Amino acid sequence: PSKETVQRQRALGGALGVLVLAFGLTYHFF
């Protein structure tokens, strides 16, 4: 990855964390 790509990945990091929230809760509770 280039330096610019890494920066874009960091910017998307929070959004990805939110997206996995529903998946993780289902996996955890049921």
All heavy atoms as atom14 arrays in JSON, in Angstrom:
{
  "sequence": "PSKETVQRQRALGGALGVLVLAFGLTYHFF",
  "atom14_mask": [
    [1, 1, 1, 1, 1, 1, 1, 0, 0, 0, 0, 0, 0, 0],
    [1, 1, 1, 1, 1, 1, 0, 0, 0, 0, 0, 0, 0, 0],
    [1, 1, 1, 1, 1, 1, 1, 1, 1, 0, 0, 0, 0, 0],
    [1, 1, 1, 1, 1, 1, 1, 1, 1, 0, 0, 0, 0, 0],
    [1, 1, 1, 1, 1, 1, 1, 0, 0, 0, 0, 0, 0, 0],
    [1, 1, 1, 1, 1, 1, 1, 0, 0, 0, 0, 0, 0, 0],
    [1, 1, 1, 1, 1, 1, 1, 1, 1, 0, 0, 0, 0, 0],
    [1, 1, 1, 1, 1, 1, 1, 1, 1, 1, 1, 0, 0, 0],
    [1, 1, 1, 1, 1, 1, 1, 1, 1, 0, 0, 0, 0, 0],
    [1, 1, 1, 1, 1, 1, 1, 1, 1, 1, 1, 0, 0, 0],
    [1, 1, 1, 1, 1, 0, 0, 0, 0, 0, 0, 0, 0, 0],
    [1, 1, 1, 1, 1, 1, 1, 1, 0, 0, 0, 0, 0, 0],
    [1, 1, 1, 1, 0, 0, 0, 0, 0, 0, 0, 0, 0, 0],
    [1, 1, 1, 1, 0, 0, 0, 0, 0, 0, 0, 0, 0, 0],
    [1, 1, 1, 1, 1, 0, 0, 0, 0, 0, 0, 0, 0, 0],
    [1, 1, 1, 1, 1, 1, 1, 1, 0, 0, 0, 0, 0, 0],
    [1, 1, 1, 1, 0, 0, 0, 0, 0, 0, 0, 0, 0, 0],
    [1, 1, 1, 1, 1, 1, 1, 0, 0, 0, 0, 0, 0, 0],
    [1, 1, 1, 1, 1, 1, 1, 1, 0, 0, 0, 0, 0, 0],
    [1, 1, 1, 1, 1, 1, 1, 0, 0, 0, 0, 0, 0, 0],
    [1, 1, 1, 1, 1, 1, 1, 1, 0, 0, 0, 0, 0, 0],
    [1, 1, 1, 1, 1, 0, 0, 0, 0, 0, 0, 0, 0, 0],
    [1, 1, 1, 1, 1, 1, 1, 1, 1, 1, 1, 0, 0, 0],
    [1, 1, 1, 1, 0, 0, 0, 0, 0, 0, 0, 0, 0, 0],
    [1, 1, 1, 1, 1, 1, 1, 1, 0, 0, 0, 0, 0, 0],
    [1, 1, 1, 1, 1, 1, 1, 0, 0, 0, 0, 0, 0, 0],
    [1, 1, 1, 1, 1, 1, 1, 1, 1, 1, 1, 1, 0, 0],
    [1, 1, 1, 1, 1, 1, 1, 1, 1, 1, 0, 0, 0, 0],
    [1, 1, 1, 1, 1, 1, 1, 1, 1, 1, 1, 0, 0, 0],
    [1, 1, 1, 1, 1, 1, 1, 1, 1, 1, 1, 0, 0, 0]
  ],
  "atom14_positions": [
    [[0.82, -1.21, 0.0], [0.0, 0.0, 0.0], [0.85, 1.25, 0.0], [1.89, 1.31, 0.63], [-0.81, -0.14, 1.29], [0.05, -0.94, 2.18], [0.75, -1.9, 1.27], [0.0, 0.0, 0.0], [0.0, 0.0, 0.0], [0.0, 0.0, 0.0], [0.0, 0.0, 0.0], [0.0, 0.0, 0.0], [0.0, 0.0, 0.0], [0.0, 0.0, 0.0]],
    [[0.37, 2.29, -0.73], [1.03, 3.58, -0.69], [0.63, 4.32, 0.57], [-0.28, 3.91, 1.29], [0.66, 4.39, -1.93], [-0.73, 4.69, -1.89], [0.0, 0.0, 0.0], [0.0, 0.0, 0.0], [0.0, 0.0, 0.0], [0.0, 0.0, 0.0], [0.0, 0.0, 0.0], [0.0, 0.0, 0.0], [0.0, 0.0, 0.0], [0.0, 0.0, 0.0]],
    [[1.3, 5.42, 0.81], [0.98, 6.2, 2.0], [-0.45, 6.73, 1.94], [-1.18, 6.78, 2.94], [1.99, 7.34, 2.11], [1.91, 8.11, 3.42], [3.06, 9.1, 3.52], [3.04, 9.83, 4.85], [4.15, 10.8, 4.95], [0.0, 0.0, 0.0], [0.0, 0.0, 0.0], [0.0, 0.0, 0.0], [0.0, 0.0, 0.0], [0.0, 0.0, 0.0]],
    [[-0.87, 7.13, 0.7], [-2.23, 7.64, 0.54], [-3.26, 6.55, 0.81], [-4.31, 6.78, 1.41], [-2.42, 8.21, -0.86], [-1.6, 9.48, -1.11], [-0.13, 9.19, -1.34], [0.2, 8.02, -1.5], [0.66, 10.15, -1.34], [0.0, 0.0, 0.0], [0.0, 0.0, 0.0], [0.0, 0.0, 0.0], [0.0, 0.0, 0.0], [0.0, 0.0, 0.0]],
    [[-2.97, 5.33, 0.33], [-3.89, 4.22, 0.57], [-4.05, 3.94, 2.05], [-5.15, 3.7, 2.55], [-3.37, 2.96, -0.14], [-3.27, 3.22, -1.53], [-4.34, 1.79, 0.08], [0.0, 0.0, 0.0], [0.0, 0.0, 0.0], [0.0, 0.0, 0.0], [0.0, 0.0, 0.0], [0.0, 0.0, 0.0], [0.0, 0.0, 0.0], [0.0, 0.0, 0.0]],
    [[-2.95, 3.97, 2.77], [-3.01, 3.73, 4.22], [-3.87, 4.78, 4.9], [-4.66, 4.49, 5.81], [-1.58, 3.72, 4.8], [-1.64, 3.65, 6.33], [-0.81, 2.54, 4.26], [0.0, 0.0, 0.0], [0.0, 0.0, 0.0], [0.0, 0.0, 0.0], [0.0, 0.0, 0.0], [0.0, 0.0, 0.0], [0.0, 0.0, 0.0], [0.0, 0.0, 0.0]],
    [[-3.75, 6.05, 4.45], [-4.56, 7.1, 5.07], [-6.04, 6.86, 4.82], [-6.89, 7.09, 5.68], [-4.12, 8.45, 4.52], [-2.72, 8.86, 5.0], [-2.23, 10.13, 4.34], [-2.78, 10.56, 3.33], [-1.2, 10.73, 4.89], [0.0, 0.0, 0.0], [0.0, 0.0, 0.0], [0.0, 0.0, 0.0], [0.0, 0.0, 0.0], [0.0, 0.0, 0.0]],
    [[-6.38, 6.43, 3.57], [-7.78, 6.14, 3.27], [-8.3, 4.98, 4.12], [-9.43, 4.97, 4.59], [-7.94, 5.82, 1.78], [-7.81, 7.04, 0.88], [-8.36, 6.74, -0.5], [-7.63, 5.69, -1.16], [-6.56, 5.9, -1.91], [-6.12, 7.14, -2.09], [-5.95, 4.9, -2.5], [0.0, 0.0, 0.0], [0.0, 0.0, 0.0], [0.0, 0.0, 0.0]],
    [[-7.43, 3.98, 4.32], [-7.82, 2.84, 5.15], [-8.1, 3.27, 6.58], [-9.02, 2.77, 7.23], [-6.72, 1.78, 5.11], [-6.61, 1.08, 3.76], [-5.42, 0.15, 3.7], [-4.47, 0.33, 4.43], [-5.49, -0.85, 2.83], [0.0, 0.0, 0.0], [0.0, 0.0, 0.0], [0.0, 0.0, 0.0], [0.0, 0.0, 0.0], [0.0, 0.0, 0.0]],
    [[-7.28, 4.18, 7.07], [-7.51, 4.65, 8.44], [-8.85, 5.39, 8.53], [-9.58, 5.28, 9.51], [-6.36, 5.56, 8.86], [-5.06, 4.8, 9.11], [-3.92, 5.76, 9.41], [-2.71, 5.05, 9.74], [-1.54, 5.64, 9.91], [-1.43, 6.94, 9.82], [-0.47, 4.92, 10.22], [0.0, 0.0, 0.0], [0.0, 0.0, 0.0], [0.0, 0.0, 0.0]],
    [[-9.16, 6.19, 7.47], [-10.4, 6.95, 7.5], [-11.61, 6.04, 7.48], [-12.66, 6.32, 8.06], [-10.45, 7.9, 6.3], [0.0, 0.0, 0.0], [0.0, 0.0, 0.0], [0.0, 0.0, 0.0], [0.0, 0.0, 0.0], [0.0, 0.0, 0.0], [0.0, 0.0, 0.0], [0.0, 0.0, 0.0], [0.0, 0.0, 0.0], [0.0, 0.0, 0.0]],
    [[-11.46, 4.89, 6.79], [-12.57, 3.94, 6.72], [-12.65, 3.04, 7.95], [-13.59, 2.27, 8.1], [-12.41, 3.07, 5.47], [-12.61, 3.78, 4.12], [-12.25, 2.86, 2.98], [-14.05, 4.25, 3.98], [0.0, 0.0, 0.0], [0.0, 0.0, 0.0], [0.0, 0.0, 0.0], [0.0, 0.0, 0.0], [0.0, 0.0, 0.0], [0.0, 0.0, 0.0]],
    [[-11.6, 3.1, 8.79], [-11.55, 2.18, 9.93], [-12.75, 2.28, 10.84], [-13.36, 1.27, 11.23], [0.0, 0.0, 0.0], [0.0, 0.0, 0.0], [0.0, 0.0, 0.0], [0.0, 0.0, 0.0], [0.0, 0.0, 0.0], [0.0, 0.0, 0.0], [0.0, 0.0, 0.0], [0.0, 0.0, 0.0], [0.0, 0.0, 0.0], [0.0, 0.0, 0.0]],
    [[-13.16, 3.52, 11.19], [-14.3, 3.67, 12.09], [-15.59, 3.16, 11.47], [-16.39, 2.5, 12.13], [0.0, 0.0, 0.0], [0.0, 0.0, 0.0], [0.0, 0.0, 0.0], [0.0, 0.0, 0.0], [0.0, 0.0, 0.0], [0.0, 0.0, 0.0], [0.0, 0.0, 0.0], [0.0, 0.0, 0.0], [0.0, 0.0, 0.0], [0.0, 0.0, 0.0]],
    [[-15.77, 3.45, 10.17], [-17.0, 2.99, 9.5], [-17.07, 1.48, 9.49], [-18.12, 0.88, 9.72], [-17.04, 3.55, 8.08], [0.0, 0.0, 0.0], [0.0, 0.0, 0.0], [0.0, 0.0, 0.0], [0.0, 0.0, 0.0], [0.0, 0.0, 0.0], [0.0, 0.0, 0.0], [0.0, 0.0, 0.0], [0.0, 0.0, 0.0], [0.0, 0.0, 0.0]],
    [[-15.94, 0.85, 9.23], [-15.92, -0.62, 9.24], [-16.25, -1.16, 10.62], [-16.93, -2.17, 10.77], [-14.55, -1.12, 8.79], [-14.22, -0.9, 7.31], [-12.79, -1.3, 7.02], [-15.18, -1.69, 6.43], [0.0, 0.0, 0.0], [0.0, 0.0, 0.0], [0.0, 0.0, 0.0], [0.0, 0.0, 0.0], [0.0, 0.0, 0.0], [0.0, 0.0, 0.0]],
    [[-15.75, -0.46, 11.65], [-16.04, -0.91, 13.02], [-17.53, -0.86, 13.32], [-18.08, -1.74, 13.97], [0.0, 0.0, 0.0], [0.0, 0.0, 0.0], [0.0, 0.0, 0.0], [0.0, 0.0, 0.0], [0.0, 0.0, 0.0], [0.0, 0.0, 0.0], [0.0, 0.0, 0.0], [0.0, 0.0, 0.0], [0.0, 0.0, 0.0], [0.0, 0.0, 0.0]],
    [[-18.22, 0.2, 12.81], [-19.66, 0.31, 13.04], [-20.4, -0.78, 12.29], [-21.35, -1.4, 12.78], [-20.16, 1.7, 12.62], [-21.68, 1.76, 12.68], [-19.55, 2.77, 13.51], [0.0, 0.0, 0.0], [0.0, 0.0, 0.0], [0.0, 0.0, 0.0], [0.0, 0.0, 0.0], [0.0, 0.0, 0.0], [0.0, 0.0, 0.0], [0.0, 0.0, 0.0]],
    [[-19.94, -1.07, 11.05], [-20.62, -2.07, 10.23], [-20.57, -3.46, 10.84], [-21.49, -4.27, 10.66], [-20.01, -2.11, 8.83], [-20.33, -0.91, 7.91], [-19.57, -1.0, 6.62], [-21.83, -0.86, 7.64], [0.0, 0.0, 0.0], [0.0, 0.0, 0.0], [0.0, 0.0, 0.0], [0.0, 0.0, 0.0], [0.0, 0.0, 0.0], [0.0, 0.0, 0.0]],
    [[-19.48, -3.74, 11.54], [-19.39, -5.09, 12.12], [-20.14, -5.19, 13.44], [-20.22, -6.27, 14.03], [-17.9, -5.48, 12.36], [-17.13, -5.47, 11.08], [-17.25, -4.58, 13.41], [0.0, 0.0, 0.0], [0.0, 0.0, 0.0], [0.0, 0.0, 0.0], [0.0, 0.0, 0.0], [0.0, 0.0, 0.0], [0.0, 0.0, 0.0], [0.0, 0.0, 0.0]],
    [[-20.7, -4.08, 13.94], [-21.37, -4.09, 15.23], [-22.54, -5.07, 15.25], [-22.65, -5.93, 16.13], [-21.86, -2.67, 15.57], [-22.61, -2.51, 16.89], [-21.73, -2.9, 18.05], [-23.08, -1.07, 17.06], [0.0, 0.0, 0.0], [0.0, 0.0, 0.0], [0.0, 0.0, 0.0], [0.0, 0.0, 0.0], [0.0, 0.0, 0.0], [0.0, 0.0, 0.0]],
    [[-23.44, -4.97, 14.24], [-24.62, -5.85, 14.23], [-24.21, -7.31, 14.08], [-24.73, -8.19, 14.77], [-25.56, -5.44, 13.09], [0.0, 0.0, 0.0], [0.0, 0.0, 0.0], [0.0, 0.0, 0.0], [0.0, 0.0, 0.0], [0.0, 0.0, 0.0], [0.0, 0.0, 0.0], [0.0, 0.0, 0.0], [0.0, 0.0, 0.0], [0.0, 0.0, 0.0]],
    [[-23.25, -7.54, 13.17], [-22.77, -8.92, 12.98], [-22.2, -9.5, 14.28], [-22.51, -10.62, 14.67], [-21.7, -8.92, 11.89], [-20.81, -10.12, 11.93], [-21.26, -11.36, 11.49], [-19.51, -10.02, 12.42], [-20.43, -12.45, 11.54], [-18.7, -11.11, 12.47], [-19.17, -12.34, 12.02], [0.0, 0.0, 0.0], [0.0, 0.0, 0.0], [0.0, 0.0, 0.0]],
    [[-21.38, -8.73, 14.95], [-20.74, -9.23, 16.17], [-21.72, -9.49, 17.28], [-21.58, -10.47, 18.03], [0.0, 0.0, 0.0], [0.0, 0.0, 0.0], [0.0, 0.0, 0.0], [0.0, 0.0, 0.0], [0.0, 0.0, 0.0], [0.0, 0.0, 0.0], [0.0, 0.0, 0.0], [0.0, 0.0, 0.0], [0.0, 0.0, 0.0], [0.0, 0.0, 0.0]],
    [[-22.72, -8.62, 17.43], [-23.7, -8.83, 18.5], [-24.48, -10.12, 18.29], [-24.73, -10.89, 19.22], [-24.66, -7.64, 18.56], [-24.08, -6.36, 19.2], [-25.02, -5.19, 19.0], [-23.8, -6.58, 20.67], [0.0, 0.0, 0.0], [0.0, 0.0, 0.0], [0.0, 0.0, 0.0], [0.0, 0.0, 0.0], [0.0, 0.0, 0.0], [0.0, 0.0, 0.0]],
    [[-24.87, -10.36, 17.03], [-25.59, -11.62, 16.76], [-24.7, -12.82, 17.08], [-25.12, -13.79, 17.72], [-26.01, -11.68, 15.28], [-26.87, -10.58, 15.02], [-26.75, -12.98, 14.98], [0.0, 0.0, 0.0], [0.0, 0.0, 0.0], [0.0, 0.0, 0.0], [0.0, 0.0, 0.0], [0.0, 0.0, 0.0], [0.0, 0.0, 0.0], [0.0, 0.0, 0.0]],
    [[-23.46, -12.72, 16.62], [-22.54, -13.83, 16.85], [-22.31, -14.07, 18.34], [-22.19, -15.19, 18.82], [-21.21, -13.53, 16.16], [-20.2, -14.65, 16.26], [-20.2, -15.69, 15.35], [-19.25, -14.64, 17.28], [-19.29, -16.72, 15.45], [-18.34, -15.67, 17.39], [-18.36, -16.71, 16.47], [-17.46, -17.72, 16.57], [0.0, 0.0, 0.0], [0.0, 0.0, 0.0]],
    [[-22.26, -12.95, 19.1], [-21.98, -13.07, 20.53], [-23.18, -13.61, 21.31], [-23.07, -14.56, 22.08], [-21.59, -11.71, 21.08], [-21.55, -11.67, 22.58], [-20.73, -12.49, 23.32], [-22.25, -10.92, 23.46], [-20.92, -12.25, 24.6], [-21.84, -11.3, 24.71], [0.0, 0.0, 0.0], [0.0, 0.0, 0.0], [0.0, 0.0, 0.0], [0.0, 0.0, 0.0]],
    [[-24.36, -12.99, 21.11], [-25.5, -13.34, 21.95], [-26.19, -14.63, 21.52], [-26.72, -15.37, 22.32], [-26.52, -12.19, 21.93], [-25.98, -10.93, 22.58], [-25.91, -9.74, 21.88], [-25.54, -10.96, 23.89], [-25.42, -8.6, 22.48], [-25.05, -9.82, 24.49], [-24.99, -8.63, 23.78], [0.0, 0.0, 0.0], [0.0, 0.0, 0.0], [0.0, 0.0, 0.0]],
    [[-26.2, -14.87, 20.21], [-26.92, -16.05, 19.72], [-26.07, -16.8, 18.7], [-26.38, -16.84, 17.5], [-28.27, -15.64, 19.1], [-29.12, -14.86, 20.05], [-29.18, -13.47, 19.96], [-29.82, -15.51, 21.06], [-29.94, -12.75, 20.86], [-30.59, -14.77, 21.95], [-30.65, -13.4, 21.87], [0.0, 0.0, 0.0], [0.0, 0.0, 0.0], [0.0, 0.0, 0.0]]
  ]
}
